[in-house]
């Protein structure tokens, strides 16, 4: 009888042991997460470089998937054909992850574009880009519910139909976030963002943003001091300090929204980008933390060319 009871107990726990050994059930990874990544890319066989950025929020399960997902992927192309592409992934099934040998070794996380998702040309959202079934895969290392990741493979395509080369030199984090999603952000926040750009003259470059904003609950700011720096391969660089609280506006519903920085006449004289020009980000917030990723820009450099193809990602 004792032997029979022992066999029954073993039969009951074997599925759980098998599931853990498969690397799918990982309670430590379940829950709300904020995702962000940035790095360089190349078109396979085309010799055109650029950048790939990823940012968003998700709620992971114990079974290697997600119950909620809102992630933006941006591709910036360094040639003069304006082939930047932006994709919005909203289907929980778009994300899968696994740790085949347990959390003490490397796992993988893959984001795949679903037919219900949308991709478009960054500088003209009215032009769709078909990336259905295409994906980007990261090697994932995790501890205490958070992780670091590096891109290892992709089949994503830009607006010109060029497939990105693998692996991709993209690295980022999957950050555990406490608390539920917030409809409104408020209080003091430090900005930090970086990314690649292309302007409408075909010049490629980089953009960096850092500063402090005091957000209110009405979709704006009570205080702002943010510096935007820019340089491209035509030596058309600038450093613009935005100090007018009205320069910042945001909207947020159930943790997903947008944030815009706009140049005003009250800003520093170093802002040569033209009054009224702006850069807009998708905004993802969980538990008082946030990630931003650019979706459009009308900012101008010193020439002035329009910096219309940004791939900028950051935190605040």
C-alpha atoms as a PDB file:
ATOM      1  CA  UNK A   1       0.000   0.000   0.000  1.00  0.00           C
ATOM      2  CA  UNK A   2       2.797   2.397   0.891  1.00  0.00           C
ATOM      3  CA  UNK A   3       4.493   1.622  -2.427  1.00  0.00           C
ATOM      4  CA  UNK A   4       1.223   2.239  -4.290  1.00  0.00           C
ATOM      5  CA  UNK A   5       0.699   5.597  -2.549  1.00  0.00           C
ATOM      6  CA  UNK A   6       4.279   6.551  -3.417  1.00  0.00           C
ATOM      7  CA  UNK A   7       3.640   5.741  -7.083  1.00  0.00           C
ATOM      8  CA  UNK A   8       0.476   7.877  -7.049  1.00  0.00           C
ATOM      9  CA  UNK A   9       2.357  10.814  -5.549  1.00  0.00           C
ATOM     10  CA  UNK A  10       5.098  10.482  -8.137  1.00  0.00           C
ATOM     11  CA  UNK A  11       2.503  10.398 -10.925  1.00  0.00           C
ATOM     12  CA  UNK A  12       0.990  13.603  -9.572  1.00  0.00           C
ATOM     13  CA  UNK A  13       4.230  15.553  -9.474  1.00  0.00           C
ATOM     14  CA  UNK A  14       5.803  14.223 -12.693  1.00  0.00           C
ATOM     15  CA  UNK A  15       3.887  16.636 -14.998  1.00  0.00           C
ATOM     16  CA  UNK A  16       5.139  19.594 -12.956  1.00  0.00           C
ATOM     17  CA  UNK A  17       8.709  18.270 -13.056  1.00  0.00           C
ATOM     18  CA  UNK A  18       8.453  17.739 -16.803  1.00  0.00           C
ATOM     19  CA  UNK A  19       7.075  21.236 -17.318  1.00  0.00           C
ATOM     20  CA  UNK A  20       9.911  22.825 -15.374  1.00  0.00           C
ATOM     21  CA  UNK A  21      12.520  20.763 -17.211  1.00  0.00           C
ATOM     22  CA  UNK A  22      11.050  21.976 -20.500  1.00  0.00           C
ATOM     23  CA  UNK A  23      11.712  25.495 -19.348  1.00  0.00           C
ATOM     24  CA  UNK A  24       8.186  26.795 -19.884  1.00  0.00           C
ATOM     25  CA  UNK A  25       6.735  27.148 -16.400  1.00  0.00           C
ATOM     26  CA  UNK A  26       8.616  29.910 -14.608  1.00  0.00           C
ATOM     27  CA  UNK A  27       6.660  31.636 -11.882  1.00  0.00           C
ATOM     28  CA  UNK A  28       9.470  34.153 -11.414  1.00  0.00           C
ATOM     29  CA  UNK A  29       8.842  35.579 -14.887  1.00  0.00           C
ATOM     30  CA  UNK A  30       5.066  35.937 -14.579  1.00  0.00           C
ATOM     31  CA  UNK A  31       3.518  39.374 -14.126  1.00  0.00           C
ATOM     32  CA  UNK A  32       3.692  42.900 -15.610  1.00  0.00           C
ATOM     33  CA  UNK A  33       6.879  43.841 -17.471  1.00  0.00           C
ATOM     34  CA  UNK A  34       8.249  46.831 -19.343  1.00  0.00           C
ATOM     35  CA  UNK A  35      10.358  46.066 -22.434  1.00  0.00           C
ATOM     36  CA  UNK A  36      12.939  48.277 -24.141  1.00  0.00           C
ATOM     37  CA  UNK A  37      15.810  47.598 -26.557  1.00  0.00           C
ATOM     38  CA  UNK A  38      18.084  49.511 -28.937  1.00  0.00           C
ATOM     39  CA  UNK A  39      20.818  48.608 -31.390  1.00  0.00           C
ATOM     40  CA  UNK A  40      22.193  48.430 -34.896  1.00  0.00           C
ATOM     41  CA  UNK A  41      20.987  46.496 -37.942  1.00  0.00           C
ATOM     42  CA  UNK A  42      21.973  45.777 -41.515  1.00  0.00           C
ATOM     43  CA  UNK A  43      19.897  44.765 -44.513  1.00  0.00           C
ATOM     44  CA  UNK A  44      20.744  41.214 -45.577  1.00  0.00           C
ATOM     45  CA  UNK A  45      22.847  41.420 -48.720  1.00  0.00           C
ATOM     46  CA  UNK A  46      22.108  45.126 -49.219  1.00  0.00           C
ATOM     47  CA  UNK A  47      24.855  46.776 -47.171  1.00  0.00           C
ATOM     48  CA  UNK A  48      22.549  49.410 -45.700  1.00  0.00           C
ATOM     49  CA  UNK A  49      22.821  49.937 -41.941  1.00  0.00           C
ATOM     50  CA  UNK A  50      20.418  51.439 -39.462  1.00  0.00           C
ATOM     51  CA  UNK A  51      18.831  50.832 -36.091  1.00  0.00           C
ATOM     52  CA  UNK A  52      16.151  48.688 -34.475  1.00  0.00           C
ATOM     53  CA  UNK A  53      14.257  49.845 -31.382  1.00  0.00           C
ATOM     54  CA  UNK A  54      11.664  48.049 -29.248  1.00  0.00           C
ATOM     55  CA  UNK A  55       9.551  49.322 -26.354  1.00  0.00           C
ATOM     56  CA  UNK A  56       6.301  48.399 -24.673  1.00  0.00           C
ATOM     57  CA  UNK A  57       4.557  46.567 -21.889  1.00  0.00           C
ATOM     58  CA  UNK A  58       3.352  43.023 -21.372  1.00  0.00           C
ATOM     59  CA  UNK A  59       1.966  40.686 -18.737  1.00  0.00           C
ATOM     60  CA  UNK A  60       3.819  37.365 -18.855  1.00  0.00           C
ATOM     61  CA  UNK A  61       2.358  34.005 -17.861  1.00  0.00           C
ATOM     62  CA  UNK A  62       4.078  31.012 -16.274  1.00  0.00           C
ATOM     63  CA  UNK A  63       3.612  29.064 -19.493  1.00  0.00           C
ATOM     64  CA  UNK A  64       5.932  30.926 -21.837  1.00  0.00           C
ATOM     65  CA  UNK A  65       3.444  33.439 -23.197  1.00  0.00           C
ATOM     66  CA  UNK A  66       1.537  36.597 -22.330  1.00  0.00           C
ATOM     67  CA  UNK A  67      -1.991  37.614 -21.363  1.00  0.00           C
ATOM     68  CA  UNK A  68      -1.510  41.224 -22.536  1.00  0.00           C
ATOM     69  CA  UNK A  69       0.878  42.891 -24.968  1.00  0.00           C
ATOM     70  CA  UNK A  70       1.436  46.414 -26.272  1.00  0.00           C
ATOM     71  CA  UNK A  71       4.824  46.736 -28.008  1.00  0.00           C
ATOM     72  CA  UNK A  72       6.172  48.999 -30.763  1.00  0.00           C
ATOM     73  CA  UNK A  73       9.052  47.994 -33.031  1.00  0.00           C
ATOM     74  CA  UNK A  74      10.847  50.680 -35.039  1.00  0.00           C
ATOM     75  CA  UNK A  75      13.265  50.170 -37.944  1.00  0.00           C
ATOM     76  CA  UNK A  76      15.446  53.095 -39.109  1.00  0.00           C
ATOM     77  CA  UNK A  77      17.212  52.743 -42.447  1.00  0.00           C
ATOM     78  CA  UNK A  78      20.340  54.746 -43.208  1.00  0.00           C
ATOM     79  CA  UNK A  79      19.895  55.047 -46.971  1.00  0.00           C
ATOM     80  CA  UNK A  80      18.127  57.858 -48.821  1.00  0.00           C
ATOM     81  CA  UNK A  81      15.020  55.885 -49.755  1.00  0.00           C
ATOM     82  CA  UNK A  82      13.103  56.602 -46.529  1.00  0.00           C
ATOM     83  CA  UNK A  83      12.565  52.932 -45.743  1.00  0.00           C
ATOM     84  CA  UNK A  84      11.885  53.341 -42.022  1.00  0.00           C
ATOM     85  CA  UNK A  85       9.162  51.060 -40.670  1.00  0.00           C
ATOM     86  CA  UNK A  86       7.075  51.054 -37.480  1.00  0.00           C
ATOM     87  CA  UNK A  87       5.058  48.070 -36.203  1.00  0.00           C
ATOM     88  CA  UNK A  88       2.494  47.976 -33.390  1.00  0.00           C
ATOM     89  CA  UNK A  89       2.057  44.546 -31.775  1.00  0.00           C
ATOM     90  CA  UNK A  90      -1.082  44.136 -29.649  1.00  0.00           C
ATOM     91  CA  UNK A  91      -1.887  40.411 -29.707  1.00  0.00           C
ATOM     92  CA  UNK A  92      -0.756  38.440 -26.614  1.00  0.00           C
ATOM     93  CA  UNK A  93       0.143  35.510 -28.871  1.00  0.00           C
ATOM     94  CA  UNK A  94       2.821  37.674 -30.528  1.00  0.00           C
ATOM     95  CA  UNK A  95       5.165  37.019 -27.578  1.00  0.00           C
ATOM     96  CA  UNK A  96       6.680  33.691 -26.584  1.00  0.00           C
ATOM     97  CA  UNK A  97       9.546  32.860 -24.259  1.00  0.00           C
ATOM     98  CA  UNK A  98      11.287  29.750 -22.990  1.00  0.00           C
ATOM     99  CA  UNK A  99      14.125  28.615 -20.728  1.00  0.00           C
ATOM    100  CA  UNK A 100      14.883  25.080 -21.975  1.00  0.00           C
ATOM    101  CA  UNK A 101      17.447  24.401 -19.247  1.00  0.00           C
ATOM    102  CA  UNK A 102      15.878  26.445 -16.458  1.00  0.00           C
ATOM    103  CA  UNK A 103      16.319  30.006 -15.294  1.00  0.00           C
ATOM    104  CA  UNK A 104      19.979  29.492 -14.428  1.00  0.00           C
ATOM    105  CA  UNK A 105      20.828  29.321 -18.132  1.00  0.00           C
ATOM    106  CA  UNK A 106      19.974  31.338 -21.223  1.00  0.00           C
ATOM    107  CA  UNK A 107      16.477  31.364 -22.654  1.00  0.00           C
ATOM    108  CA  UNK A 108      14.818  32.979 -25.648  1.00  0.00           C
ATOM    109  CA  UNK A 109      12.062  35.506 -26.259  1.00  0.00           C
ATOM    110  CA  UNK A 110      10.437  36.062 -29.656  1.00  0.00           C
ATOM    111  CA  UNK A 111       8.143  38.829 -30.896  1.00  0.00           C
ATOM    112  CA  UNK A 112       6.184  37.898 -34.033  1.00  0.00           C
ATOM    113  CA  UNK A 113       3.996  40.195 -36.136  1.00  0.00           C
ATOM    114  CA  UNK A 114       0.432  38.889 -36.343  1.00  0.00           C
ATOM    115  CA  UNK A 115      -2.038  39.516 -39.175  1.00  0.00           C
ATOM    116  CA  UNK A 116      -4.091  41.565 -36.683  1.00  0.00           C
ATOM    117  CA  UNK A 117      -1.127  43.832 -35.917  1.00  0.00           C
ATOM    118  CA  UNK A 118      -0.211  46.846 -38.032  1.00  0.00           C
ATOM    119  CA  UNK A 119       3.026  48.013 -39.672  1.00  0.00           C
ATOM    120  CA  UNK A 120       3.506  51.193 -41.657  1.00  0.00           C
ATOM    121  CA  UNK A 121       6.073  53.457 -43.258  1.00  0.00           C
ATOM    122  CA  UNK A 122       7.361  55.646 -40.432  1.00  0.00           C
ATOM    123  CA  UNK A 123       7.300  58.929 -42.335  1.00  0.00           C
ATOM    124  CA  UNK A 124       3.903  58.165 -43.919  1.00  0.00           C
ATOM    125  CA  UNK A 125       1.562  56.105 -41.691  1.00  0.00           C
ATOM    126  CA  UNK A 126      -0.951  55.851 -44.539  1.00  0.00           C
ATOM    127  CA  UNK A 127       1.379  53.405 -46.336  1.00  0.00           C
ATOM    128  CA  UNK A 128       1.115  49.884 -44.847  1.00  0.00           C
ATOM    129  CA  UNK A 129       4.073  47.499 -44.650  1.00  0.00           C
ATOM    130  CA  UNK A 130       3.441  43.740 -44.588  1.00  0.00           C
ATOM    131  CA  UNK A 131       5.469  42.005 -41.877  1.00  0.00           C
ATOM    132  CA  UNK A 132       2.936  39.276 -41.075  1.00  0.00           C
ATOM    133  CA  UNK A 133       4.702  36.224 -39.693  1.00  0.00           C
ATOM    134  CA  UNK A 134       8.041  38.008 -39.409  1.00  0.00           C
ATOM    135  CA  UNK A 135       9.783  38.144 -36.050  1.00  0.00           C
ATOM    136  CA  UNK A 136      12.741  39.154 -33.921  1.00  0.00           C
ATOM    137  CA  UNK A 137      14.269  36.728 -31.410  1.00  0.00           C
ATOM    138  CA  UNK A 138      16.386  37.562 -28.372  1.00  0.00           C
ATOM    139  CA  UNK A 139      18.566  35.479 -26.089  1.00  0.00           C
ATOM    140  CA  UNK A 140      17.154  36.178 -22.628  1.00  0.00           C
ATOM    141  CA  UNK A 141      18.866  36.041 -19.239  1.00  0.00           C
ATOM    142  CA  UNK A 142      16.634  36.387 -16.173  1.00  0.00           C
ATOM    143  CA  UNK A 143      16.878  36.912 -12.440  1.00  0.00           C
ATOM    144  CA  UNK A 144      14.187  37.832  -9.906  1.00  0.00           C
ATOM    145  CA  UNK A 145      11.519  38.458 -12.527  1.00  0.00           C
ATOM    146  CA  UNK A 146      13.591  40.793 -14.722  1.00  0.00           C
ATOM    147  CA  UNK A 147      15.885  40.068 -17.627  1.00  0.00           C
ATOM    148  CA  UNK A 148      18.516  41.301 -20.048  1.00  0.00           C
ATOM    149  CA  UNK A 149      18.343  40.335 -23.713  1.00  0.00           C
ATOM    150  CA  UNK A 150      20.332  40.495 -26.923  1.00  0.00           C
ATOM    151  CA  UNK A 151      19.055  40.038 -30.473  1.00  0.00           C
ATOM    152  CA  UNK A 152      20.085  36.818 -32.220  1.00  0.00           C
ATOM    153  CA  UNK A 153      17.784  36.474 -35.241  1.00  0.00           C
ATOM    154  CA  UNK A 154      15.164  38.333 -37.237  1.00  0.00           C
ATOM    155  CA  UNK A 155      13.044  38.011 -40.379  1.00  0.00           C
ATOM    156  CA  UNK A 156      11.614  41.539 -40.113  1.00  0.00           C
ATOM    157  CA  UNK A 157      11.506  43.624 -43.291  1.00  0.00           C
ATOM    158  CA  UNK A 158      11.657  47.358 -43.876  1.00  0.00           C
ATOM    159  CA  UNK A 159       9.334  49.370 -46.084  1.00  0.00           C
ATOM    160  CA  UNK A 160      11.445  48.577 -49.135  1.00  0.00           C
ATOM    161  CA  UNK A 161      10.931  44.832 -48.636  1.00  0.00           C
ATOM    162  CA  UNK A 162      14.533  44.299 -47.543  1.00  0.00           C
ATOM    163  CA  UNK A 163      14.981  41.629 -44.853  1.00  0.00           C
ATOM    164  CA  UNK A 164      17.186  42.601 -41.924  1.00  0.00           C
ATOM    165  CA  UNK A 165      20.356  40.581 -41.476  1.00  0.00           C
ATOM    166  CA  UNK A 166      20.806  38.169 -38.547  1.00  0.00           C
ATOM    167  CA  UNK A 167      21.927  38.389 -35.845  1.00  0.00           C
ATOM    168  CA  UNK A 168      20.921  41.916 -34.873  1.00  0.00           C
ATOM    169  CA  UNK A 169      23.186  43.955 -32.586  1.00  0.00           C
ATOM    170  CA  UNK A 170      20.312  44.953 -30.324  1.00  0.00           C
ATOM    171  CA  UNK A 171      20.287  44.749 -26.537  1.00  0.00           C
ATOM    172  CA  UNK A 172      17.730  45.654 -23.896  1.00  0.00           C
ATOM    173  CA  UNK A 173      15.800  44.719 -20.784  1.00  0.00           C
ATOM    174  CA  UNK A 174      12.608  43.059 -19.614  1.00  0.00           C
ATOM    175  CA  UNK A 175      11.937  44.935 -16.391  1.00  0.00           C
ATOM    176  CA  UNK A 176       9.545  43.703 -13.713  1.00  0.00           C
ATOM    177  CA  UNK A 177       7.046  46.420 -12.797  1.00  0.00           C
ATOM    178  CA  UNK A 178       5.186  46.577  -9.509  1.00  0.00           C
ATOM    179  CA  UNK A 179       1.591  47.698  -9.235  1.00  0.00           C
ATOM    180  CA  UNK A 180      -1.117  47.898 -11.849  1.00  0.00           C
ATOM    181  CA  UNK A 181      -1.249  49.988 -14.979  1.00  0.00           C
ATOM    182  CA  UNK A 182      -1.895  53.701 -14.484  1.00  0.00           C
ATOM    183  CA  UNK A 183      -4.205  55.955 -16.474  1.00  0.00           C
ATOM    184  CA  UNK A 184      -2.321  59.073 -15.422  1.00  0.00           C
ATOM    185  CA  UNK A 185       1.339  59.767 -14.681  1.00  0.00           C
ATOM    186  CA  UNK A 186       2.291  62.623 -12.392  1.00  0.00           C
ATOM    187  CA  UNK A 187       5.247  63.989 -10.471  1.00  0.00           C
ATOM    188  CA  UNK A 188       8.929  64.357 -11.323  1.00  0.00           C
ATOM    189  CA  UNK A 189      10.425  62.092 -13.976  1.00  0.00           C
ATOM    190  CA  UNK A 190      13.909  61.827 -15.442  1.00  0.00           C
ATOM    191  CA  UNK A 191      14.027  61.386 -19.226  1.00  0.00           C
ATOM    192  CA  UNK A 192      16.655  59.380 -21.059  1.00  0.00           C
ATOM    193  CA  UNK A 193      16.384  58.270 -24.699  1.00  0.00           C
ATOM    194  CA  UNK A 194      18.695  57.436 -27.592  1.00  0.00           C
ATOM    195  CA  UNK A 195      18.308  56.322 -31.177  1.00  0.00           C
ATOM    196  CA  UNK A 196      19.058  56.559 -34.869  1.00  0.00           C
ATOM    197  CA  UNK A 197      17.574  58.920 -37.443  1.00  0.00           C
ATOM    198  CA  UNK A 198      17.291  59.633 -41.149  1.00  0.00           C
ATOM    199  CA  UNK A 199      16.218  62.992 -42.588  1.00  0.00           C
ATOM    200  CA  UNK A 200      14.343  63.776 -45.782  1.00  0.00           C
ATOM    201  CA  UNK A 201      17.634  64.546 -47.581  1.00  0.00           C
ATOM    202  CA  UNK A 202      18.942  61.050 -46.911  1.00  0.00           C
ATOM    203  CA  UNK A 203      21.378  61.950 -44.140  1.00  0.00           C
ATOM    204  CA  UNK A 204      21.592  59.450 -41.282  1.00  0.00           C
ATOM    205  CA  UNK A 205      22.523  60.228 -37.715  1.00  0.00           C
ATOM    206  CA  UNK A 206      21.719  59.852 -34.039  1.00  0.00           C
ATOM    207  CA  UNK A 207      19.546  61.542 -31.441  1.00  0.00           C
ATOM    208  CA  UNK A 208      19.866  61.699 -27.662  1.00  0.00           C
ATOM    209  CA  UNK A 209      17.362  63.106 -25.160  1.00  0.00           C
ATOM    210  CA  UNK A 210      17.771  63.651 -21.416  1.00  0.00           C
ATOM    211  CA  UNK A 211      16.221  65.866 -18.794  1.00  0.00           C
ATOM    212  CA  UNK A 212      13.580  66.351 -16.146  1.00  0.00           C
ATOM    213  CA  UNK A 213       9.831  66.824 -16.386  1.00  0.00           C
ATOM    214  CA  UNK A 214       7.260  67.444 -13.671  1.00  0.00           C
ATOM    215  CA  UNK A 215       4.080  65.908 -15.064  1.00  0.00           C
ATOM    216  CA  UNK A 216       0.597  66.905 -13.994  1.00  0.00           C
ATOM    217  CA  UNK A 217      -2.594  64.836 -14.113  1.00  0.00           C
ATOM    218  CA  UNK A 218      -4.031  66.784 -17.047  1.00  0.00           C
ATOM    219  CA  UNK A 219      -1.795  65.496 -19.828  1.00  0.00           C
ATOM    220  CA  UNK A 220       0.889  68.155 -19.512  1.00  0.00           C
ATOM    221  CA  UNK A 221       3.812  69.367 -17.416  1.00  0.00           C
ATOM    222  CA  UNK A 222       4.215  71.928 -14.625  1.00  0.00           C
ATOM    223  CA  UNK A 223       7.982  72.033 -15.152  1.00  0.00           C
ATOM    224  CA  UNK A 224      10.330  70.994 -17.956  1.00  0.00           C
ATOM    225  CA  UNK A 225      14.059  71.046 -18.700  1.00  0.00           C
ATOM    226  CA  UNK A 226      14.912  68.556 -21.452  1.00  0.00           C
ATOM    227  CA  UNK A 227      17.851  68.735 -23.858  1.00  0.00           C
ATOM    228  CA  UNK A 228      17.658  67.127 -27.281  1.00  0.00           C
ATOM    229  CA  UNK A 229      20.975  66.523 -29.065  1.00  0.00           C
ATOM    230  CA  UNK A 230      21.326  65.525 -32.707  1.00  0.00           C
ATOM    231  CA  UNK A 231      24.073  64.850 -35.249  1.00  0.00           C
ATOM    232  CA  UNK A 232      24.123  63.435 -38.768  1.00  0.00           C
ATOM    233  CA  UNK A 233      26.676  62.485 -41.397  1.00  0.00           C
ATOM    234  CA  UNK A 234      26.453  65.930 -43.027  1.00  0.00           C
ATOM    235  CA  UNK A 235      27.735  67.599 -39.846  1.00  0.00           C
ATOM    236  CA  UNK A 236      24.326  69.141 -39.177  1.00  0.00           C
ATOM    237  CA  UNK A 237      24.253  68.814 -35.405  1.00  0.00           C
ATOM    238  CA  UNK A 238      22.440  70.730 -32.704  1.00  0.00           C
ATOM    239  CA  UNK A 239      21.663  70.715 -28.980  1.00  0.00           C
ATOM    240  CA  UNK A 240      18.230  72.121 -28.162  1.00  0.00           C
ATOM    241  CA  UNK A 241      17.054  72.787 -24.606  1.00  0.00           C
ATOM    242  CA  UNK A 242      13.278  72.688 -24.094  1.00  0.00           C
ATOM    243  CA  UNK A 243      12.281  74.636 -20.975  1.00  0.00           C
ATOM    244  CA  UNK A 244       8.684  75.658 -21.632  1.00  0.00           C
ATOM    245  CA  UNK A 245       6.312  73.297 -19.739  1.00  0.00           C
ATOM    246  CA  UNK A 246       3.827  73.663 -22.600  1.00  0.00           C
ATOM    247  CA  UNK A 247       6.340  71.855 -24.836  1.00  0.00           C
ATOM    248  CA  UNK A 248       5.249  68.516 -23.352  1.00  0.00           C
ATOM    249  CA  UNK A 249       1.873  66.845 -23.771  1.00  0.00           C
ATOM    250  CA  UNK A 250       0.787  63.282 -23.139  1.00  0.00           C
ATOM    251  CA  UNK A 251      -2.235  61.009 -23.071  1.00  0.00           C
ATOM    252  CA  UNK A 252      -2.553  57.692 -21.282  1.00  0.00           C
ATOM    253  CA  UNK A 253      -5.373  55.141 -21.056  1.00  0.00           C
ATOM    254  CA  UNK A 254      -4.907  51.795 -19.298  1.00  0.00           C
ATOM    255  CA  UNK A 255      -1.152  52.189 -19.430  1.00  0.00           C
ATOM    256  CA  UNK A 256      -0.888  52.951 -23.162  1.00  0.00           C
ATOM    257  CA  UNK A 257      -0.733  56.366 -24.813  1.00  0.00           C
ATOM    258  CA  UNK A 258       1.449  58.966 -26.518  1.00  0.00           C
ATOM    259  CA  UNK A 259       3.884  61.701 -25.488  1.00  0.00           C
ATOM    260  CA  UNK A 260       4.934  64.676 -27.628  1.00  0.00           C
ATOM    261  CA  UNK A 261       7.777  67.194 -27.269  1.00  0.00           C
ATOM    262  CA  UNK A 262       7.263  70.387 -29.298  1.00  0.00           C
ATOM    263  CA  UNK A 263       9.664  73.277 -29.898  1.00  0.00           C
ATOM    264  CA  UNK A 264       8.245  76.646 -28.839  1.00  0.00           C
ATOM    265  CA  UNK A 265       9.398  80.245 -29.197  1.00  0.00           C
ATOM    266  CA  UNK A 266      10.098  80.299 -25.439  1.00  0.00           C
ATOM    267  CA  UNK A 267      12.836  77.662 -25.738  1.00  0.00           C
ATOM    268  CA  UNK A 268      16.585  78.144 -25.987  1.00  0.00           C
ATOM    269  CA  UNK A 269      18.027  80.037 -28.945  1.00  0.00           C
ATOM    270  CA  UNK A 270      20.002  76.848 -29.708  1.00  0.00           C
ATOM    271  CA  UNK A 271      16.781  75.266 -31.005  1.00  0.00           C
ATOM    272  CA  UNK A 272      17.196  75.698 -34.743  1.00  0.00           C
ATOM    273  CA  UNK A 273      14.505  73.167 -35.517  1.00  0.00           C
ATOM    274  CA  UNK A 274      11.679  75.625 -35.958  1.00  0.00           C
ATOM    275  CA  UNK A 275       8.828  76.630 -33.678  1.00  0.00           C
ATOM    276  CA  UNK A 276       5.971  74.151 -33.762  1.00  0.00           C
ATOM    277  CA  UNK A 277       8.038  71.164 -34.883  1.00  0.00           C
ATOM    278  CA  UNK A 278       7.838  68.081 -32.687  1.00  0.00           C
ATOM    279  CA  UNK A 279       8.660  64.449 -31.995  1.00  0.00           C
ATOM    280  CA  UNK A 280       5.968  62.008 -30.858  1.00  0.00           C
ATOM    281  CA  UNK A 281       6.441  58.782 -28.894  1.00  0.00           C
ATOM    282  CA  UNK A 282       4.261  55.842 -27.998  1.00  0.00           C
ATOM    283  CA  UNK A 283       4.066  55.781 -24.196  1.00  0.00           C
ATOM    284  CA  UNK A 284       3.784  52.669 -22.016  1.00  0.00           C
ATOM    285  CA  UNK A 285       3.424  52.920 -18.231  1.00  0.00           C
ATOM    286  CA  UNK A 286       3.171  50.351 -15.440  1.00  0.00           C
ATOM    287  CA  UNK A 287       3.425  51.036 -11.729  1.00  0.00           C
ATOM    288  CA  UNK A 288       4.810  54.562 -12.122  1.00  0.00           C
ATOM    289  CA  UNK A 289       7.534  53.481 -14.573  1.00  0.00           C
ATOM    290  CA  UNK A 290       7.380  54.246 -18.299  1.00  0.00           C
ATOM    291  CA  UNK A 291       8.948  53.433 -21.654  1.00  0.00           C
ATOM    292  CA  UNK A 292       8.801  55.637 -24.765  1.00  0.00           C
ATOM    293  CA  UNK A 293       9.492  54.892 -28.436  1.00  0.00           C
ATOM    294  CA  UNK A 294       9.334  57.385 -31.307  1.00  0.00           C
ATOM    295  CA  UNK A 295       6.652  57.052 -33.962  1.00  0.00           C
ATOM    296  CA  UNK A 296       6.943  60.331 -35.924  1.00  0.00           C
ATOM    297  CA  UNK A 297       8.923  63.578 -36.121  1.00  0.00           C
ATOM    298  CA  UNK A 298       8.788  66.947 -37.840  1.00  0.00           C
ATOM    299  CA  UNK A 299      11.943  68.237 -36.120  1.00  0.00           C
ATOM    300  CA  UNK A 300      14.485  70.001 -38.332  1.00  0.00           C
ATOM    301  CA  UNK A 301      18.262  70.077 -38.320  1.00  0.00           C
ATOM    302  CA  UNK A 302      20.369  73.163 -39.019  1.00  0.00           C
ATOM    303  CA  UNK A 303      20.182  72.836 -42.824  1.00  0.00           C
ATOM    304  CA  UNK A 304      17.125  72.604 -42.338  1.00  0.00           C
ATOM    305  CA  UNK A 305      16.210  69.013 -43.251  1.00  0.00           C
ATOM    306  CA  UNK A 306      13.226  67.299 -41.638  1.00  0.00           C
ATOM    307  CA  UNK A 307      14.267  64.504 -39.274  1.00  0.00           C
ATOM    308  CA  UNK A 308      11.346  62.387 -40.452  1.00  0.00           C
ATOM    309  CA  UNK A 309      12.544  58.831 -39.786  1.00  0.00           C
ATOM    310  CA  UNK A 310      13.422  58.467 -36.081  1.00  0.00           C
ATOM    311  CA  UNK A 311      14.015  55.257 -34.144  1.00  0.00           C
ATOM    312  CA  UNK A 312      14.444  56.578 -30.600  1.00  0.00           C
ATOM    313  CA  UNK A 313      13.695  54.615 -27.421  1.00  0.00           C
ATOM    314  CA  UNK A 314      13.947  55.582 -23.769  1.00  0.00           C
ATOM    315  CA  UNK A 315      12.703  55.528 -20.196  1.00  0.00           C
ATOM    316  CA  UNK A 316      11.279  57.884 -17.619  1.00  0.00           C
END
